[in-house]
Amino acid sequence: MKSQLPVIAPSMLKCDFGNLQREITLLETAEAQVLHWDVMDGHFVPNLSYGALLIERVRPLTKMFFDAHLMISNPEKYIDDYIAAGCNSITIHIEAVPNPNDLLQHLDKSGVLPGLAINPKTPVNVIEPFLELCGLVLVMSVEPGFGGQSFINSSLQKIKQLKKMISEDTILSVDGGIGMDTIAKTAHAGANYFVVGSAIFNQSDYSIAVSELVQKARNETASFT
């Protein structure tokens, strides 16, 4: 995954669940490398989505990288279910687990890329002590729990701060309001992994959508470096 950056990660929250296998085939054809699974529990965030059982059933359908974003309370109770379901990376929230050391280490020992997410109102210094344990850091650029929100511009400063704090091997992800009008500025700020919902699933041709997003991110990353 790290060798393929920048990465576009389609958010399955926005897909057509009535035609899930077809959606996955279309995303494979579009050469998306990742399926991003937004898991919501109705407690940590207001909405409900899906759980480990659905992900487990989908796992045999594709060899794509499975990235689970757990927007849930008490993830320690359920983390092994998502490992067993075949997730390649699992991200938990610092707001749900104020001391995530044990969980991040458990994920790493289980062969899963450990991720830590931070909400828009949470300052960067809260996750700083745990960055060395992270393979992925996720900046929420909208309030978690709802799709289709507008990008919060103050997230750019947070991405810039984290880019200076993490190692070169750590993936820096951004999630929320990412599309053709926002991906360039997030890439310029330092993000290299982009969770995208509406900007893919609202388009008639996923291949064109993914290709244009990748190119936009790659161009900005190249110009910045």
C-alpha atoms as a PDB file:
ATOM      1  CA  MET A   1       0.000   0.000   0.000  1.00  0.00           C
ATOM      2  CA  LYS A   2       2.730   2.488   0.940  1.00  0.00           C
ATOM      3  CA  SER A   3       4.436   1.942  -2.413  1.00  0.00           C
ATOM      4  CA  GLN A   4       1.245   2.918  -4.274  1.00  0.00           C
ATOM      5  CA  LEU A   5       0.688   6.361  -2.734  1.00  0.00           C
ATOM      6  CA  PRO A   6      -1.206   8.563  -3.389  1.00  0.00           C
ATOM      7  CA  VAL A   7      -4.176   6.279  -2.807  1.00  0.00           C
ATOM      8  CA  ILE A   8      -7.870   6.890  -3.398  1.00  0.00           C
ATOM      9  CA  ALA A   9      -9.950   4.879  -0.926  1.00  0.00           C
ATOM     10  CA  PRO A  10     -13.639   4.716  -1.934  1.00  0.00           C
ATOM     11  CA  SER A  11     -15.893   5.001   1.120  1.00  0.00           C
ATOM     12  CA  MET A  12     -18.307   2.081   0.970  1.00  0.00           C
ATOM     13  CA  LEU A  13     -20.760   4.051   3.078  1.00  0.00           C
ATOM     14  CA  LYS A  14     -21.862   5.717  -0.174  1.00  0.00           C
ATOM     15  CA  CYS A  15     -22.088   2.623  -2.368  1.00  0.00           C
ATOM     16  CA  ASP A  16     -25.240   0.912  -3.643  1.00  0.00           C
ATOM     17  CA  PHE A  17     -25.681  -1.910  -1.133  1.00  0.00           C
ATOM     18  CA  GLY A  18     -28.447  -3.410  -3.252  1.00  0.00           C
ATOM     19  CA  ASN A  19     -25.774  -4.150  -5.876  1.00  0.00           C
ATOM     20  CA  LEU A  20     -22.725  -4.571  -3.670  1.00  0.00           C
ATOM     21  CA  GLN A  21     -20.881  -7.148  -5.765  1.00  0.00           C
ATOM     22  CA  ARG A  22     -21.408  -5.031  -8.886  1.00  0.00           C
ATOM     23  CA  GLU A  23     -20.070  -1.961  -7.051  1.00  0.00           C
ATOM     24  CA  ILE A  24     -16.921  -3.834  -6.069  1.00  0.00           C
ATOM     25  CA  THR A  25     -16.405  -5.030  -9.650  1.00  0.00           C
ATOM     26  CA  LEU A  26     -16.764  -1.461 -10.928  1.00  0.00           C
ATOM     27  CA  LEU A  27     -14.230  -0.211  -8.365  1.00  0.00           C
ATOM     28  CA  GLU A  28     -11.798  -2.960  -9.343  1.00  0.00           C
ATOM     29  CA  THR A  29     -12.196  -1.957 -12.982  1.00  0.00           C
ATOM     30  CA  ALA A  30     -11.525   1.645 -11.944  1.00  0.00           C
ATOM     31  CA  GLU A  31      -8.231   0.412 -10.392  1.00  0.00           C
ATOM     32  CA  ALA A  32      -9.127   1.594  -6.919  1.00  0.00           C
ATOM     33  CA  GLN A  33      -6.751  -0.178  -4.556  1.00  0.00           C
ATOM     34  CA  VAL A  34      -8.753   0.097  -1.335  1.00  0.00           C
ATOM     35  CA  LEU A  35     -12.245  -0.371   0.029  1.00  0.00           C
ATOM     36  CA  HIS A  36     -12.780   1.919   3.017  1.00  0.00           C
ATOM     37  CA  TRP A  37     -15.363   0.557   5.478  1.00  0.00           C
ATOM     38  CA  ASP A  38     -16.935   3.214   7.711  1.00  0.00           C
ATOM     39  CA  VAL A  39     -18.270   1.392  10.765  1.00  0.00           C
ATOM     40  CA  MET A  40     -20.719   3.410  12.886  1.00  0.00           C
ATOM     41  CA  ASP A  41     -22.424   2.242  16.062  1.00  0.00           C
ATOM     42  CA  GLY A  42     -25.129   4.817  16.796  1.00  0.00           C
ATOM     43  CA  HIS A  43     -23.311   5.712  20.024  1.00  0.00           C
ATOM     44  CA  PHE A  44     -19.891   7.182  19.268  1.00  0.00           C
ATOM     45  CA  VAL A  45     -21.566   8.749  16.229  1.00  0.00           C
ATOM     46  CA  PRO A  46     -25.313   9.249  15.706  1.00  0.00           C
ATOM     47  CA  ASN A  47     -25.766   6.891  12.757  1.00  0.00           C
ATOM     48  CA  LEU A  48     -25.572   3.121  12.274  1.00  0.00           C
ATOM     49  CA  SER A  49     -23.902   1.505   9.277  1.00  0.00           C
ATOM     50  CA  TYR A  50     -22.666  -2.117   9.175  1.00  0.00           C
ATOM     51  CA  GLY A  51     -20.341  -4.377  11.106  1.00  0.00           C
ATOM     52  CA  ALA A  52     -17.754  -7.113  10.874  1.00  0.00           C
ATOM     53  CA  LEU A  53     -20.237  -9.690   9.580  1.00  0.00           C
ATOM     54  CA  LEU A  54     -20.854  -7.793   6.351  1.00  0.00           C
ATOM     55  CA  ILE A  55     -17.140  -7.186   5.806  1.00  0.00           C
ATOM     56  CA  GLU A  56     -16.446 -10.878   6.411  1.00  0.00           C
ATOM     57  CA  ARG A  57     -19.019 -11.854   3.763  1.00  0.00           C
ATOM     58  CA  VAL A  58     -17.543  -9.441   1.231  1.00  0.00           C
ATOM     59  CA  ARG A  59     -13.912 -10.446   1.847  1.00  0.00           C
ATOM     60  CA  PRO A  60     -13.963 -13.496  -0.502  1.00  0.00           C
ATOM     61  CA  LEU A  61     -15.285 -11.357  -3.369  1.00  0.00           C
ATOM     62  CA  THR A  62     -12.117  -9.326  -3.934  1.00  0.00           C
ATOM     63  CA  LYS A  63      -8.399  -9.123  -3.210  1.00  0.00           C
ATOM     64  CA  MET A  64      -8.581  -5.365  -2.654  1.00  0.00           C
ATOM     65  CA  PHE A  65      -7.089  -3.853   0.506  1.00  0.00           C
ATOM     66  CA  PHE A  66      -9.754  -3.576   3.246  1.00  0.00           C
ATOM     67  CA  ASP A  67      -9.465  -0.477   5.421  1.00  0.00           C
ATOM     68  CA  ALA A  68     -11.879  -0.422   8.395  1.00  0.00           C
ATOM     69  CA  HIS A  69     -12.563   2.895  10.113  1.00  0.00           C
ATOM     70  CA  LEU A  70     -14.177   2.135  13.465  1.00  0.00           C
ATOM     71  CA  MET A  71     -16.311   5.091  14.542  1.00  0.00           C
ATOM     72  CA  ILE A  72     -17.449   3.161  17.590  1.00  0.00           C
ATOM     73  CA  SER A  73     -17.268   3.262  21.365  1.00  0.00           C
ATOM     74  CA  ASN A  74     -15.231   0.584  23.160  1.00  0.00           C
ATOM     75  CA  PRO A  75     -13.485  -0.741  20.045  1.00  0.00           C
ATOM     76  CA  GLU A  76     -11.434  -3.095  22.218  1.00  0.00           C
ATOM     77  CA  LYS A  77     -14.573  -5.264  22.540  1.00  0.00           C
ATOM     78  CA  TYR A  78     -14.891  -5.749  18.795  1.00  0.00           C
ATOM     79  CA  ILE A  79     -11.419  -5.308  17.316  1.00  0.00           C
ATOM     80  CA  ASP A  80     -10.770  -9.052  16.952  1.00  0.00           C
ATOM     81  CA  ASP A  81     -13.984  -9.449  14.955  1.00  0.00           C
ATOM     82  CA  TYR A  82     -12.645  -7.025  12.349  1.00  0.00           C
ATOM     83  CA  ILE A  83      -9.254  -8.708  12.313  1.00  0.00           C
ATOM     84  CA  ALA A  84     -10.980 -12.066  11.749  1.00  0.00           C
ATOM     85  CA  ALA A  85     -13.166 -10.520   9.030  1.00  0.00           C
ATOM     86  CA  GLY A  86     -10.041  -9.916   6.945  1.00  0.00           C
ATOM     87  CA  CYS A  87      -9.388  -6.206   7.371  1.00  0.00           C
ATOM     88  CA  ASN A  88      -5.884  -5.179   6.313  1.00  0.00           C
ATOM     89  CA  SER A  89      -5.930  -1.941   8.275  1.00  0.00           C
ATOM     90  CA  ILE A  90      -8.082  -0.882  11.212  1.00  0.00           C
ATOM     91  CA  THR A  91      -8.374   2.678  12.475  1.00  0.00           C
ATOM     92  CA  ILE A  92      -9.722   3.592  15.903  1.00  0.00           C
ATOM     93  CA  HIS A  93     -10.520   7.051  17.295  1.00  0.00           C
ATOM     94  CA  ILE A  94      -8.451   8.795  19.945  1.00  0.00           C
ATOM     95  CA  GLU A  95     -11.732  10.234  21.238  1.00  0.00           C
ATOM     96  CA  ALA A  96     -13.022   6.695  21.883  1.00  0.00           C
ATOM     97  CA  VAL A  97      -9.751   5.344  23.316  1.00  0.00           C
ATOM     98  CA  PRO A  98      -7.764   8.070  25.122  1.00  0.00           C
ATOM     99  CA  ASN A  99      -4.861   5.655  25.652  1.00  0.00           C
ATOM    100  CA  PRO A 100      -4.712   3.471  22.527  1.00  0.00           C
ATOM    101  CA  ASN A 101      -1.253   1.958  23.129  1.00  0.00           C
ATOM    102  CA  ASP A 102      -2.451  -1.593  23.769  1.00  0.00           C
ATOM    103  CA  LEU A 103      -4.892  -1.653  20.870  1.00  0.00           C
ATOM    104  CA  LEU A 104      -2.405  -0.248  18.365  1.00  0.00           C
ATOM    105  CA  GLN A 105       0.197  -2.790  19.464  1.00  0.00           C
ATOM    106  CA  HIS A 106      -2.379  -5.589  19.260  1.00  0.00           C
ATOM    107  CA  LEU A 107      -3.237  -4.624  15.698  1.00  0.00           C
ATOM    108  CA  ASP A 108       0.413  -4.546  14.698  1.00  0.00           C
ATOM    109  CA  LYS A 109       1.094  -7.959  16.254  1.00  0.00           C
ATOM    110  CA  SER A 110      -1.955  -9.309  14.418  1.00  0.00           C
ATOM    111  CA  GLY A 111      -0.489  -8.262  11.073  1.00  0.00           C
ATOM    112  CA  VAL A 112      -2.955  -5.398  10.613  1.00  0.00           C
ATOM    113  CA  LEU A 113      -1.890  -1.841   9.823  1.00  0.00           C
ATOM    114  CA  PRO A 114      -2.762   0.139  12.980  1.00  0.00           C
ATOM    115  CA  GLY A 115      -4.518   3.456  12.449  1.00  0.00           C
ATOM    116  CA  LEU A 116      -5.511   6.336  14.710  1.00  0.00           C
ATOM    117  CA  ALA A 117      -8.125   8.944  13.784  1.00  0.00           C
ATOM    118  CA  ILE A 118      -8.638  12.466  15.101  1.00  0.00           C
ATOM    119  CA  ASN A 119     -11.843  14.510  14.939  1.00  0.00           C
ATOM    120  CA  PRO A 120     -11.989  18.145  13.761  1.00  0.00           C
ATOM    121  CA  LYS A 121     -12.294  19.608  17.256  1.00  0.00           C
ATOM    122  CA  THR A 122      -9.516  17.489  18.792  1.00  0.00           C
ATOM    123  CA  PRO A 123      -6.061  19.134  18.932  1.00  0.00           C
ATOM    124  CA  VAL A 124      -3.109  17.354  17.368  1.00  0.00           C
ATOM    125  CA  ASN A 125      -1.142  17.198  20.623  1.00  0.00           C
ATOM    126  CA  VAL A 126      -3.655  14.640  21.961  1.00  0.00           C
ATOM    127  CA  ILE A 127      -2.437  11.941  19.554  1.00  0.00           C
ATOM    128  CA  GLU A 128       1.232  12.963  19.472  1.00  0.00           C
ATOM    129  CA  PRO A 129       2.318  10.432  22.160  1.00  0.00           C
ATOM    130  CA  PHE A 130       0.995   7.545  20.067  1.00  0.00           C
ATOM    131  CA  LEU A 131       2.197   8.428  16.570  1.00  0.00           C
ATOM    132  CA  GLU A 132       5.163   6.047  16.673  1.00  0.00           C
ATOM    133  CA  LEU A 133       2.726   3.145  16.994  1.00  0.00           C
ATOM    134  CA  CYS A 134       0.642   4.186  13.985  1.00  0.00           C
ATOM    135  CA  GLY A 135       0.980   2.894  10.454  1.00  0.00           C
ATOM    136  CA  LEU A 136      -1.772   5.279   9.436  1.00  0.00           C
ATOM    137  CA  VAL A 137      -3.056   8.559  10.862  1.00  0.00           C
ATOM    138  CA  LEU A 138      -6.506   9.723   9.781  1.00  0.00           C
ATOM    139  CA  VAL A 139      -7.556  13.373   9.900  1.00  0.00           C
ATOM    140  CA  MET A 140     -11.312  13.817   9.891  1.00  0.00           C
ATOM    141  CA  SER A 141     -12.118  16.844   7.765  1.00  0.00           C
ATOM    142  CA  VAL A 142     -15.823  16.639   8.615  1.00  0.00           C
ATOM    143  CA  GLU A 143     -17.638  15.663  11.788  1.00  0.00           C
ATOM    144  CA  PRO A 144     -17.785  11.845  11.823  1.00  0.00           C
ATOM    145  CA  GLY A 145     -21.045  10.035  11.346  1.00  0.00           C
ATOM    146  CA  PHE A 146     -22.609  11.492   8.194  1.00  0.00           C
ATOM    147  CA  GLY A 147     -21.719  11.354   4.514  1.00  0.00           C
ATOM    148  CA  GLY A 148     -21.942  14.298   2.130  1.00  0.00           C
ATOM    149  CA  GLN A 149     -20.638  17.016   4.472  1.00  0.00           C
ATOM    150  CA  SER A 150     -18.543  19.970   3.338  1.00  0.00           C
ATOM    151  CA  PHE A 151     -14.791  19.992   3.902  1.00  0.00           C
ATOM    152  CA  ILE A 152     -13.618  21.848   7.045  1.00  0.00           C
ATOM    153  CA  ASN A 153     -10.741  24.084   5.919  1.00  0.00           C
ATOM    154  CA  SER A 154      -9.086  24.183   9.334  1.00  0.00           C
ATOM    155  CA  SER A 155      -8.214  20.511   8.735  1.00  0.00           C
ATOM    156  CA  LEU A 156      -5.439  21.640   6.403  1.00  0.00           C
ATOM    157  CA  GLN A 157      -3.411  23.059   9.263  1.00  0.00           C
ATOM    158  CA  LYS A 158      -3.841  19.837  11.195  1.00  0.00           C
ATOM    159  CA  ILE A 159      -2.572  17.824   8.209  1.00  0.00           C
ATOM    160  CA  LYS A 160       0.455  20.114   7.924  1.00  0.00           C
ATOM    161  CA  GLN A 161       1.221  19.704  11.624  1.00  0.00           C
ATOM    162  CA  LEU A 162       0.960  15.937  11.506  1.00  0.00           C
ATOM    163  CA  LYS A 163       3.079  15.680   8.360  1.00  0.00           C
ATOM    164  CA  LYS A 164       5.960  17.170  10.328  1.00  0.00           C
ATOM    165  CA  MET A 165       5.384  14.864  13.297  1.00  0.00           C
ATOM    166  CA  ILE A 166       4.998  11.431  11.687  1.00  0.00           C
ATOM    167  CA  SER A 167       7.671   9.233  10.149  1.00  0.00           C
ATOM    168  CA  GLU A 168       8.113   8.968   6.383  1.00  0.00           C
ATOM    169  CA  ASP A 169       6.634   5.463   6.526  1.00  0.00           C
ATOM    170  CA  THR A 170       3.371   6.550   8.152  1.00  0.00           C
ATOM    171  CA  ILE A 171       0.361   7.004   5.861  1.00  0.00           C
ATOM    172  CA  LEU A 172      -1.420  10.338   6.342  1.00  0.00           C
ATOM    173  CA  SER A 173      -5.080   9.996   5.473  1.00  0.00           C
ATOM    174  CA  VAL A 174      -7.887  12.527   5.193  1.00  0.00           C
ATOM    175  CA  ASP A 175     -11.589  11.712   5.293  1.00  0.00           C
ATOM    176  CA  GLY A 176     -14.532  14.019   4.649  1.00  0.00           C
ATOM    177  CA  GLY A 177     -15.584  16.292   1.812  1.00  0.00           C
ATOM    178  CA  ILE A 178     -12.817  15.068  -0.487  1.00  0.00           C
ATOM    179  CA  GLY A 179     -13.433  15.682  -4.178  1.00  0.00           C
ATOM    180  CA  MET A 180     -11.942  17.407  -7.193  1.00  0.00           C
ATOM    181  CA  ASP A 181     -12.164  20.805  -5.502  1.00  0.00           C
ATOM    182  CA  THR A 182     -10.463  19.749  -2.242  1.00  0.00           C
ATOM    183  CA  ILE A 183      -8.059  16.907  -2.986  1.00  0.00           C
ATOM    184  CA  ALA A 184      -5.286  19.148  -4.335  1.00  0.00           C
ATOM    185  CA  LYS A 185      -5.093  21.321  -1.229  1.00  0.00           C
ATOM    186  CA  THR A 186      -5.077  18.304   1.079  1.00  0.00           C
ATOM    187  CA  ALA A 187      -2.293  16.716  -0.980  1.00  0.00           C
ATOM    188  CA  HIS A 188      -0.381  19.986  -0.838  1.00  0.00           C
ATOM    189  CA  ALA A 189      -0.772  20.008   2.941  1.00  0.00           C
ATOM    190  CA  GLY A 190       0.781  16.540   3.132  1.00  0.00           C
ATOM    191  CA  ALA A 191      -1.971  13.938   2.895  1.00  0.00           C
ATOM    192  CA  ASN A 192      -1.289  10.927   0.675  1.00  0.00           C
ATOM    193  CA  TYR A 193      -4.329   8.722   1.289  1.00  0.00           C
ATOM    194  CA  PHE A 194      -7.769  10.100   0.447  1.00  0.00           C
ATOM    195  CA  VAL A 195     -11.089   8.649   1.547  1.00  0.00           C
ATOM    196  CA  VAL A 196     -13.657   9.593  -1.093  1.00  0.00           C
ATOM    197  CA  GLY A 197     -17.405   9.003  -1.108  1.00  0.00           C
ATOM    198  CA  SER A 198     -19.742  11.165  -3.177  1.00  0.00           C
ATOM    199  CA  ALA A 199     -17.048  12.266  -5.647  1.00  0.00           C
ATOM    200  CA  ILE A 200     -16.855   8.645  -6.824  1.00  0.00           C
ATOM    201  CA  PHE A 201     -20.253   7.106  -6.166  1.00  0.00           C
ATOM    202  CA  ASN A 202     -22.251  10.048  -7.513  1.00  0.00           C
ATOM    203  CA  GLN A 203     -20.442   9.755 -10.849  1.00  0.00           C
ATOM    204  CA  SER A 204     -21.623   7.628 -13.759  1.00  0.00           C
ATOM    205  CA  ASP A 205     -18.108   6.349 -14.501  1.00  0.00           C
ATOM    206  CA  TYR A 206     -16.038   5.299 -11.489  1.00  0.00           C
ATOM    207  CA  SER A 207     -12.943   4.796 -13.629  1.00  0.00           C
ATOM    208  CA  ILE A 208     -12.885   8.422 -14.755  1.00  0.00           C
ATOM    209  CA  ALA A 209     -13.602   9.653 -11.228  1.00  0.00           C
ATOM    210  CA  VAL A 210     -10.808   7.628  -9.610  1.00  0.00           C
ATOM    211  CA  SER A 211      -8.303   8.427 -12.376  1.00  0.00           C
ATOM    212  CA  GLU A 212      -8.935  12.170 -12.185  1.00  0.00           C
ATOM    213  CA  LEU A 213      -8.668  12.188  -8.388  1.00  0.00           C
ATOM    214  CA  VAL A 214      -5.393  10.238  -8.447  1.00  0.00           C
ATOM    215  CA  GLN A 215      -3.932  12.545 -11.068  1.00  0.00           C
ATOM    216  CA  LYS A 216      -4.970  15.662  -9.180  1.00  0.00           C
ATOM    217  CA  ALA A 217      -3.400  14.381  -5.967  1.00  0.00           C
ATOM    218  CA  ARG A 218      -0.251  13.185  -7.746  1.00  0.00           C
ATOM    219  CA  ASN A 219       0.263  16.494  -9.548  1.00  0.00           C
ATOM    220  CA  GLU A 220      -0.043  18.503  -6.378  1.00  0.00           C
ATOM    221  CA  THR A 221       2.204  16.164  -4.420  1.00  0.00           C
ATOM    222  CA  ALA A 222       4.832  16.412  -7.168  1.00  0.00           C
ATOM    223  CA  SER A 223       4.648  20.194  -7.279  1.00  0.00           C
ATOM    224  CA  PHE A 224       4.884  20.416  -3.508  1.00  0.00           C
ATOM    225  CA  THR A 225       7.923  18.156  -3.230  1.00  0.00           C
END
